[in-house]
């Protein structure tokens, strides 16, 4: 996922924190402040796991329930984690714009992706809209890697680096620099 081995002194925002794994990892790697947000913090197994881990680790991670597009989160964060969220959103460009607005240095983004379309030997930026893909009603948007890069640059990031492509090329992690 491209998480630095040291986050010493950094502030970290984990959007879509789920069970908190990456939030707690950031804290373990020295982040001075970690804020976790997820739409499902109000209940369910992931919340129980999050709370159990927070207690067992004597963690200082701050957590809140909410949609990042509708929640006021003050300031910018040195590092933003945005893992496994983009393809679930109704407004992926708005979401990437919000991630940019919240990022001081770097955003690490993991998402499902679609294959690049190639025309005359060049990848064409594209996004596939596949509502309910693979039986999950929350699945919606699948950018190609080139489509993701163009969107990240359009919302204001200065560059995108591919960190890892996995799952037969259908998932990828990228680093977006402010």
Foldseek 3Di string as FASTA:
>chain_A
DPDDLACAAFEEEEEQCQLPPVQVSNVVRHHPAYEYEEQPCPDDDSVVSNVVCCVVVVHPYHYDHDDLLPDDDDAAGQEYEAEAPQQLDPDNLSVLLSNVVRHDWKYKYKYFADAFDDDPRRTDWDKDFDQCPPNNNRGTIHTHPVVVQVSNVVSPFPGKDWDDADDVRGMTIIMTTD
